[in-house]
Amino acid sequence: MAKKLFIGNLPYTATNDSLGEFFAEFGEVLSAAVIMDRATGRSKGFGFVEMTNDAEADAVIARADEAAGLELEGRKLTVSEARPKAEAR
C-alpha cells in the first residue's frame, strides 16, 4: 500500500520533478508535489511525496529524524506521515 509523506522546509527552488528525483533514491515514488502559492506562483516551502512501499516510506522518515537528517539544496528537510485531508463542511 502507498504511503503519503509531508515534506517541510523545502527550498523555494524545489520543483515537483526535483522533489520526486530526490526521494526516488529511497524507493519508488508514485507522485511528488510542491505546494505553490496561487497569488505569487512561488513555492510555499512544503510538499507531499507518495511512495509505493510503506517500509521504504518509514525508512525515509527514520532517516530524516537522524542527527544528519536529509538535506535538499542545503536545507534540512522535515519528513512525517501526511495527515488525511480534512473534510469540507
N, C-alpha and C. Protein backbone atom coordinates (compact mmCIF):
# COMPACT_ATOMS: atom_id res chain seq x y z
N MET A 1 0.84 -1.19 0.00
CA MET A 1 0.00 0.00 0.00
C MET A 1 0.88 1.24 0.00
N ALA A 2 0.43 2.28 -0.65
CA ALA A 2 1.18 3.52 -0.76
C ALA A 2 1.05 4.34 0.53
N LYS A 3 2.10 5.10 0.81
CA LYS A 3 2.10 5.98 1.98
C LYS A 3 2.47 7.38 1.52
N LYS A 4 1.70 8.37 1.99
CA LYS A 4 1.95 9.76 1.63
C LYS A 4 2.73 10.44 2.74
N LEU A 5 3.79 11.15 2.35
CA LEU A 5 4.65 11.84 3.29
C LEU A 5 4.52 13.35 3.14
N PHE A 6 4.56 14.06 4.26
CA PHE A 6 4.61 15.52 4.28
C PHE A 6 6.09 15.89 4.32
N ILE A 7 6.50 16.79 3.45
CA ILE A 7 7.89 17.24 3.40
C ILE A 7 7.91 18.74 3.67
N GLY A 8 8.55 19.13 4.76
CA GLY A 8 8.62 20.54 5.13
C GLY A 8 10.02 21.11 4.98
N ASN A 9 10.13 22.41 5.00
CA ASN A 9 11.37 23.17 4.89
C ASN A 9 12.04 22.98 3.54
N LEU A 10 11.21 22.87 2.49
CA LEU A 10 11.76 22.74 1.14
C LEU A 10 12.38 24.05 0.69
N PRO A 11 13.45 23.97 -0.11
CA PRO A 11 13.96 25.20 -0.71
C PRO A 11 12.92 25.75 -1.69
N TYR A 12 12.86 27.04 -1.84
CA TYR A 12 11.86 27.66 -2.70
C TYR A 12 12.10 27.36 -4.17
N THR A 13 13.27 26.85 -4.50
CA THR A 13 13.59 26.50 -5.89
C THR A 13 13.17 25.07 -6.23
N ALA A 14 12.68 24.31 -5.25
CA ALA A 14 12.29 22.92 -5.48
C ALA A 14 11.10 22.84 -6.44
N THR A 15 11.12 21.83 -7.29
CA THR A 15 10.02 21.59 -8.22
C THR A 15 9.47 20.19 -7.97
N ASN A 16 8.34 19.87 -8.57
CA ASN A 16 7.78 18.53 -8.44
C ASN A 16 8.80 17.49 -8.91
N ASP A 17 9.47 17.77 -10.03
CA ASP A 17 10.44 16.82 -10.57
C ASP A 17 11.65 16.65 -9.66
N SER A 18 12.21 17.75 -9.15
CA SER A 18 13.40 17.64 -8.29
C SER A 18 13.06 16.94 -6.98
N LEU A 19 11.86 17.17 -6.46
CA LEU A 19 11.42 16.51 -5.22
C LEU A 19 11.27 15.00 -5.47
N GLY A 20 10.63 14.64 -6.57
CA GLY A 20 10.46 13.23 -6.91
C GLY A 20 11.79 12.52 -7.12
N GLU A 21 12.71 13.18 -7.82
CA GLU A 21 14.03 12.59 -8.07
C GLU A 21 14.80 12.40 -6.76
N PHE A 22 14.71 13.36 -5.86
CA PHE A 22 15.41 13.25 -4.58
C PHE A 22 14.91 12.04 -3.79
N PHE A 23 13.61 11.87 -3.71
CA PHE A 23 13.05 10.77 -2.92
C PHE A 23 13.11 9.43 -3.64
N ALA A 24 13.32 9.43 -4.94
CA ALA A 24 13.47 8.18 -5.69
C ALA A 24 14.72 7.42 -5.26
N GLU A 25 15.68 8.13 -4.66
CA GLU A 25 16.89 7.47 -4.13
C GLU A 25 16.53 6.51 -2.99
N PHE A 26 15.38 6.70 -2.36
CA PHE A 26 14.99 5.90 -1.20
C PHE A 26 13.94 4.84 -1.53
N GLY A 27 13.39 4.88 -2.73
CA GLY A 27 12.38 3.91 -3.12
C GLY A 27 11.52 4.46 -4.26
N GLU A 28 10.53 3.67 -4.67
CA GLU A 28 9.69 4.05 -5.78
C GLU A 28 8.70 5.14 -5.37
N VAL A 29 8.68 6.21 -6.14
CA VAL A 29 7.81 7.36 -5.87
C VAL A 29 6.63 7.34 -6.84
N LEU A 30 5.42 7.36 -6.29
CA LEU A 30 4.21 7.44 -7.12
C LEU A 30 3.96 8.86 -7.59
N SER A 31 4.10 9.81 -6.67
CA SER A 31 3.87 11.21 -7.01
C SER A 31 4.65 12.11 -6.07
N ALA A 32 4.94 13.31 -6.57
CA ALA A 32 5.62 14.33 -5.76
C ALA A 32 5.02 15.67 -6.14
N ALA A 33 4.65 16.45 -5.14
CA ALA A 33 4.02 17.74 -5.41
C ALA A 33 4.54 18.80 -4.44
N VAL A 34 5.07 19.87 -4.99
CA VAL A 34 5.45 21.04 -4.21
C VAL A 34 4.23 21.95 -4.20
N ILE A 35 3.81 22.41 -3.04
CA ILE A 35 2.63 23.26 -2.93
C ILE A 35 3.03 24.69 -3.25
N MET A 36 2.28 25.27 -4.21
CA MET A 36 2.60 26.61 -4.69
C MET A 36 1.55 27.62 -4.23
N ASP A 37 1.99 28.84 -4.00
CA ASP A 37 1.10 29.94 -3.65
C ASP A 37 0.40 30.41 -4.93
N ARG A 38 -0.91 30.44 -4.91
CA ARG A 38 -1.66 30.82 -6.12
C ARG A 38 -1.39 32.26 -6.54
N ALA A 39 -1.26 33.14 -5.58
CA ALA A 39 -1.10 34.56 -5.90
C ALA A 39 0.27 34.88 -6.49
N THR A 40 1.32 34.29 -5.93
CA THR A 40 2.68 34.63 -6.37
C THR A 40 3.28 33.59 -7.30
N GLY A 41 2.74 32.37 -7.29
CA GLY A 41 3.32 31.30 -8.11
C GLY A 41 4.60 30.74 -7.52
N ARG A 42 4.91 31.13 -6.30
CA ARG A 42 6.13 30.70 -5.62
C ARG A 42 5.81 29.55 -4.66
N SER A 43 6.79 28.70 -4.44
CA SER A 43 6.63 27.57 -3.52
C SER A 43 6.30 28.08 -2.12
N LYS A 44 5.45 27.33 -1.42
CA LYS A 44 5.14 27.66 -0.02
C LYS A 44 6.15 27.02 0.94
N GLY A 45 7.09 26.23 0.41
CA GLY A 45 8.13 25.64 1.25
C GLY A 45 7.78 24.27 1.80
N PHE A 46 6.71 23.66 1.29
CA PHE A 46 6.39 22.30 1.70
C PHE A 46 5.75 21.56 0.54
N GLY A 47 5.67 20.25 0.69
CA GLY A 47 5.08 19.44 -0.37
C GLY A 47 4.75 18.05 0.14
N PHE A 48 4.37 17.19 -0.79
CA PHE A 48 3.97 15.83 -0.46
C PHE A 48 4.61 14.86 -1.44
N VAL A 49 5.02 13.70 -0.92
CA VAL A 49 5.57 12.63 -1.73
C VAL A 49 4.81 11.37 -1.39
N GLU A 50 4.33 10.66 -2.40
CA GLU A 50 3.64 9.39 -2.18
C GLU A 50 4.56 8.28 -2.66
N MET A 51 4.87 7.37 -1.73
CA MET A 51 5.76 6.25 -2.04
C MET A 51 4.95 4.96 -2.08
N THR A 52 5.34 4.04 -2.98
CA THR A 52 4.57 2.81 -3.18
C THR A 52 4.72 1.82 -2.03
N ASN A 53 5.85 1.87 -1.34
CA ASN A 53 6.15 0.88 -0.32
C ASN A 53 6.17 1.53 1.07
N ASP A 54 5.34 1.03 1.99
CA ASP A 54 5.29 1.59 3.35
C ASP A 54 6.63 1.50 4.06
N ALA A 55 7.32 0.38 3.89
CA ALA A 55 8.61 0.19 4.57
C ALA A 55 9.63 1.22 4.09
N GLU A 56 9.65 1.49 2.80
CA GLU A 56 10.57 2.50 2.26
C GLU A 56 10.21 3.89 2.79
N ALA A 57 8.93 4.18 2.86
CA ALA A 57 8.48 5.48 3.38
C ALA A 57 8.87 5.63 4.85
N ASP A 58 8.68 4.56 5.64
CA ASP A 58 9.07 4.59 7.06
C ASP A 58 10.57 4.78 7.21
N ALA A 59 11.35 4.17 6.31
CA ALA A 59 12.80 4.31 6.35
C ALA A 59 13.22 5.76 6.06
N VAL A 60 12.51 6.43 5.17
CA VAL A 60 12.81 7.83 4.86
C VAL A 60 12.52 8.70 6.09
N ILE A 61 11.40 8.44 6.76
CA ILE A 61 11.06 9.20 7.97
C ILE A 61 12.14 9.00 9.03
N ALA A 62 12.57 7.76 9.23
CA ALA A 62 13.62 7.45 10.22
C ALA A 62 14.92 8.15 9.84
N ARG A 63 15.25 8.14 8.57
CA ARG A 63 16.50 8.77 8.11
C ARG A 63 16.46 10.27 8.36
N ALA A 64 15.31 10.90 8.13
CA ALA A 64 15.18 12.34 8.35
C ALA A 64 15.29 12.69 9.83
N ASP A 65 14.90 11.76 10.70
CA ASP A 65 14.95 12.00 12.14
C ASP A 65 16.35 11.82 12.72
N GLU A 66 17.27 11.22 11.97
CA GLU A 66 18.64 11.03 12.44
C GLU A 66 19.33 12.39 12.58
N ALA A 67 20.44 12.40 13.29
CA ALA A 67 21.17 13.64 13.52
C ALA A 67 21.58 14.31 12.21
N ALA A 68 22.05 13.54 11.24
CA ALA A 68 22.48 14.11 9.96
C ALA A 68 21.27 14.57 9.15
N GLY A 69 20.16 13.84 9.27
CA GLY A 69 18.92 14.22 8.58
C GLY A 69 19.04 14.13 7.07
N LEU A 70 18.08 14.71 6.40
CA LEU A 70 18.06 14.79 4.94
C LEU A 70 18.15 16.25 4.53
N GLU A 71 19.01 16.54 3.57
CA GLU A 71 19.16 17.91 3.09
C GLU A 71 18.91 17.97 1.60
N LEU A 72 18.20 19.01 1.18
CA LEU A 72 17.98 19.29 -0.23
C LEU A 72 18.37 20.74 -0.46
N GLU A 73 19.36 20.95 -1.31
CA GLU A 73 19.88 22.29 -1.61
C GLU A 73 20.25 23.05 -0.34
N GLY A 74 20.88 22.34 0.61
CA GLY A 74 21.38 22.97 1.83
C GLY A 74 20.34 23.18 2.92
N ARG A 75 19.11 22.74 2.72
CA ARG A 75 18.07 22.91 3.75
C ARG A 75 17.73 21.55 4.34
N LYS A 76 17.71 21.48 5.66
CA LYS A 76 17.36 20.23 6.35
C LYS A 76 15.85 20.03 6.28
N LEU A 77 15.45 18.92 5.67
CA LEU A 77 14.04 18.64 5.47
C LEU A 77 13.39 18.03 6.70
N THR A 78 12.13 18.34 6.91
CA THR A 78 11.33 17.65 7.91
C THR A 78 10.41 16.70 7.15
N VAL A 79 10.35 15.46 7.62
CA VAL A 79 9.56 14.44 6.92
C VAL A 79 8.70 13.72 7.95
N SER A 80 7.41 13.62 7.65
CA SER A 80 6.48 12.88 8.51
C SER A 80 5.37 12.30 7.65
N GLU A 81 4.63 11.37 8.24
CA GLU A 81 3.49 10.82 7.51
C GLU A 81 2.44 11.91 7.39
N ALA A 82 1.90 12.06 6.20
CA ALA A 82 0.88 13.09 5.96
C ALA A 82 -0.41 12.72 6.67
N ARG A 83 -1.05 13.72 7.24
CA ARG A 83 -2.36 13.51 7.85
C ARG A 83 -3.42 13.53 6.77
N PRO A 84 -4.52 12.82 6.98
CA PRO A 84 -5.59 12.85 5.97
C PRO A 84 -6.16 14.26 5.82
N LYS A 85 -6.61 14.56 4.61
CA LYS A 85 -7.20 15.86 4.33
C LYS A 85 -8.49 16.03 5.13
N ALA A 86 -8.67 17.20 5.71
CA ALA A 86 -9.90 17.48 6.46
C ALA A 86 -11.05 17.60 5.48
N GLU A 87 -12.20 17.09 5.88
CA GLU A 87 -13.38 17.16 5.02
C GLU A 87 -13.94 18.58 5.01
N ALA A 88 -14.42 19.02 3.87
CA ALA A 88 -15.06 20.34 3.76
C ALA A 88 -16.41 20.31 4.47
N ARG A 89 -16.75 21.43 5.07
CA ARG A 89 -18.02 21.49 5.82
C ARG A 89 -19.15 21.88 4.95
